[in-house]
């Protein structure tokens, strides 16, 4: 991609993040984003169809830079795998924005993108481990698990006080792997 396009998109993403922290996501307009980024509205629309797509791209980039990718989860241990913990740590670091995404009216674009990322990771993992042992199609498994993970993340973000990343990772992992009697329960 052309370096100018990358720079402009990055400025738009940074403008959205800073404005959302200052005013809340719902109060941020396209004009305000363009002004903060030092571009005009036409330039904004050359790069993004709407604010939600910009936010989805911005969160994807931040997650990628933080190494918060879910791929590579193929462990069957009682402990949540490191990629899951890193992914949830990214969400925790940006909890204010993700909280706005998950609450009403929220952002369907961001949630759909997040669900897609989780689906892809689960699908890849399930496909690699399915040696004919599942009597459920892998895409159905991936859809069900992705929906559960998104639901747990949403509930975790709504809790006051919000539980630790380690507790949230354990919740997600136990839902994926099924309950196990592993001793003391995490703090709620």
Protein backbone atom coordinates (compact mmCIF):
# COMPACT_ATOMS: atom_id res chain seq x y z
CA UNK A 1 0.00 0.00 0.00
CA UNK A 2 1.19 3.50 -0.82
CA UNK A 3 2.97 5.15 2.14
CA UNK A 4 0.72 8.25 1.89
CA UNK A 5 -2.39 6.08 2.22
CA UNK A 6 -0.92 4.34 5.25
CA UNK A 7 -0.03 7.70 6.87
CA UNK A 8 -3.47 9.18 6.21
CA UNK A 9 -5.28 6.14 7.57
CA UNK A 10 -3.04 6.11 10.63
CA UNK A 11 -3.79 9.82 11.28
CA UNK A 12 -7.52 9.14 10.96
CA UNK A 13 -7.26 6.19 13.34
CA UNK A 14 -5.29 8.18 15.92
CA UNK A 15 -7.76 11.06 15.63
CA UNK A 16 -10.68 8.71 16.28
CA UNK A 17 -8.96 7.19 19.32
CA UNK A 18 -8.16 10.56 20.87
CA UNK A 19 -11.63 12.00 20.20
CA UNK A 20 -13.36 8.88 21.51
CA UNK A 21 -11.33 9.12 24.75
CA UNK A 22 -12.25 12.80 25.11
CA UNK A 23 -15.94 12.70 24.17
CA UNK A 24 -17.11 9.11 23.85
CA UNK A 25 -17.47 7.25 20.59
CA UNK A 26 -21.10 8.23 19.99
CA UNK A 27 -20.27 11.93 20.19
CA UNK A 28 -17.49 11.82 17.59
CA UNK A 29 -18.41 13.02 14.10
CA UNK A 30 -16.72 12.39 10.77
CA UNK A 31 -16.00 16.13 10.55
CA UNK A 32 -14.28 16.12 13.94
CA UNK A 33 -12.17 13.10 12.97
CA UNK A 34 -11.16 14.73 9.68
CA UNK A 35 -10.33 18.03 11.41
CA UNK A 36 -8.24 16.31 14.09
CA UNK A 37 -6.40 14.28 11.44
CA UNK A 38 -5.73 17.38 9.36
CA UNK A 39 -7.67 16.20 6.32
CA UNK A 40 -11.02 17.10 4.78
CA UNK A 41 -14.21 15.02 4.78
CA UNK A 42 -13.65 14.01 1.15
CA UNK A 43 -10.30 12.51 2.10
CA UNK A 44 -11.96 10.66 4.97
CA UNK A 45 -14.48 9.10 2.58
CA UNK A 46 -11.72 8.16 0.13
CA UNK A 47 -10.38 5.88 2.88
CA UNK A 48 -13.41 4.85 4.92
CA UNK A 49 -17.13 4.44 4.32
CA UNK A 50 -18.01 5.33 7.91
CA UNK A 51 -16.74 5.81 11.45
CA UNK A 52 -17.36 2.17 12.41
CA UNK A 53 -15.14 0.81 9.63
CA UNK A 54 -12.43 3.25 10.68
CA UNK A 55 -12.75 2.05 14.28
CA UNK A 56 -12.62 -1.62 13.20
CA UNK A 57 -9.44 -0.98 11.19
CA UNK A 58 -7.90 1.03 14.02
CA UNK A 59 -8.58 -1.68 16.60
CA UNK A 60 -7.27 -4.35 14.21
CA UNK A 61 -4.04 -2.41 13.75
CA UNK A 62 -3.57 -1.82 17.47
CA UNK A 63 -4.23 -5.51 18.17
CA UNK A 64 -1.79 -6.55 15.47
CA UNK A 65 0.91 -4.21 16.79
CA UNK A 66 0.37 -5.59 20.30
CA UNK A 67 0.68 -9.16 19.03
CA UNK A 68 -2.92 -9.76 20.13
CA UNK A 69 -3.78 -12.36 17.52
CA UNK A 70 -5.74 -15.48 18.36
CA UNK A 71 -4.11 -17.74 15.81
CA UNK A 72 -2.01 -20.57 17.12
CA UNK A 73 -4.41 -21.69 19.85
CA UNK A 74 -4.36 -25.44 19.59
CA UNK A 75 -3.63 -26.36 23.16
CA UNK A 76 -5.75 -28.61 25.30
CA UNK A 77 -4.53 -27.61 28.72
CA UNK A 78 -6.37 -26.45 31.80
CA UNK A 79 -4.64 -23.06 31.57
CA UNK A 80 -5.63 -20.43 28.99
CA UNK A 81 -3.05 -20.22 26.18
CA UNK A 82 -0.80 -17.16 25.88
CA UNK A 83 -2.38 -15.84 22.62
CA UNK A 84 -5.78 -15.69 24.34
CA UNK A 85 -4.36 -13.85 27.35
CA UNK A 86 -2.52 -11.39 25.08
CA UNK A 87 -5.70 -10.80 23.07
CA UNK A 88 -7.73 -10.11 26.22
CA UNK A 89 -4.96 -7.85 27.56
CA UNK A 90 -5.30 -5.78 24.37
CA UNK A 91 -9.05 -5.52 24.96
CA UNK A 92 -8.46 -4.56 28.60
CA UNK A 93 -5.99 -1.83 27.60
CA UNK A 94 -8.66 -0.37 25.32
CA UNK A 95 -11.61 -1.30 27.55
CA UNK A 96 -13.26 2.10 27.30
CA UNK A 97 -13.51 1.86 23.52
CA UNK A 98 -14.44 -1.82 23.48
CA UNK A 99 -17.02 -1.15 26.18
CA UNK A 100 -18.64 1.42 23.91
CA UNK A 101 -18.53 -1.06 21.02
CA UNK A 102 -20.31 -3.73 23.08
CA UNK A 103 -22.92 -1.44 24.66
CA UNK A 104 -25.98 0.12 23.02
CA UNK A 105 -25.98 1.34 20.31
CA UNK A 106 -22.52 -0.18 19.91
CA UNK A 107 -20.78 -0.87 16.65
CA UNK A 108 -22.02 -3.72 14.54
CA UNK A 109 -19.07 -3.37 12.19
CA UNK A 110 -16.51 -3.76 14.97
CA UNK A 111 -18.38 -6.63 16.61
CA UNK A 112 -18.75 -8.41 13.27
CA UNK A 113 -15.03 -7.98 12.58
CA UNK A 114 -14.13 -9.19 16.07
CA UNK A 115 -16.45 -12.19 15.73
CA UNK A 116 -14.88 -12.95 12.34
CA UNK A 117 -11.35 -12.92 13.82
CA UNK A 118 -12.40 -15.24 16.63
CA UNK A 119 -14.29 -17.49 14.18
CA UNK A 120 -11.22 -17.79 11.93
CA UNK A 121 -8.95 -18.71 14.83
CA UNK A 122 -11.40 -21.29 16.19
CA UNK A 123 -12.10 -22.71 12.73
CA UNK A 124 -8.39 -23.13 12.00
CA UNK A 125 -7.81 -24.81 15.35
CA UNK A 126 -10.87 -27.08 15.11
CA UNK A 127 -10.08 -28.03 11.54
CA UNK A 128 -6.52 -28.99 12.51
CA UNK A 129 -7.71 -31.18 15.39
CA UNK A 130 -10.80 -32.71 13.74
CA UNK A 131 -9.80 -36.20 12.76
CA UNK A 132 -13.39 -37.26 12.26
CA UNK A 133 -14.12 -37.11 16.00
CA UNK A 134 -16.65 -34.29 15.79
CA UNK A 135 -20.12 -35.10 14.57
CA UNK A 136 -20.73 -31.38 14.12
CA UNK A 137 -19.41 -29.47 11.07
CA UNK A 138 -16.31 -27.44 11.87
CA UNK A 139 -17.92 -24.18 10.70
CA UNK A 140 -20.80 -24.73 13.13
CA UNK A 141 -18.36 -25.40 15.97
CA UNK A 142 -16.40 -22.26 15.09
CA UNK A 143 -19.55 -20.13 14.94
CA UNK A 144 -20.80 -21.42 18.31
CA UNK A 145 -17.48 -20.99 20.09
CA UNK A 146 -16.91 -17.54 18.55
CA UNK A 147 -20.35 -16.40 19.71
CA UNK A 148 -19.63 -17.68 23.21
CA UNK A 149 -16.27 -15.94 23.36
CA UNK A 150 -17.78 -12.64 22.16
CA UNK A 151 -20.52 -13.03 24.78
CA UNK A 152 -18.01 -13.61 27.58
CA UNK A 153 -15.94 -10.61 26.49
CA UNK A 154 -19.04 -8.40 26.45
CA UNK A 155 -20.11 -9.56 29.92
CA UNK A 156 -16.57 -9.10 31.24
CA UNK A 157 -16.43 -5.52 29.94
CA UNK A 158 -19.77 -4.68 31.58
CA UNK A 159 -18.77 -5.88 35.06
CA UNK A 160 -18.02 -3.32 37.76
CA UNK A 161 -15.40 -3.75 38.88
CA UNK A 162 -14.06 -5.49 35.82
CA UNK A 163 -12.29 -8.75 36.62
CA UNK A 164 -8.63 -9.23 35.77
CA UNK A 165 -7.44 -10.33 32.35
CA UNK A 166 -6.34 -13.64 33.88
CA UNK A 167 -9.82 -14.28 35.26
CA UNK A 168 -11.46 -13.36 31.95
CA UNK A 169 -9.07 -15.66 30.07
CA UNK A 170 -9.92 -18.47 32.46
CA UNK A 171 -13.64 -17.85 31.94
CA UNK A 172 -13.27 -17.96 28.16
CA UNK A 173 -11.07 -21.03 28.31
CA UNK A 174 -13.40 -22.91 30.63
CA UNK A 175 -16.33 -22.19 28.35
CA UNK A 176 -14.37 -23.45 25.36
CA UNK A 177 -12.90 -26.50 27.08
CA UNK A 178 -15.77 -27.26 29.43
CA UNK A 179 -15.76 -26.99 33.21
CA UNK A 180 -12.99 -28.70 35.13
CA UNK A 181 -12.52 -29.02 38.86
CA UNK A 182 -9.18 -27.24 39.13
CA UNK A 183 -9.29 -26.02 42.69
CA UNK A 184 -9.90 -22.42 43.80
CA UNK A 185 -12.26 -20.38 41.65
CA UNK A 186 -11.20 -16.97 40.25
CA UNK A 187 -12.42 -13.82 41.98
CA UNK A 188 -15.55 -12.35 40.41
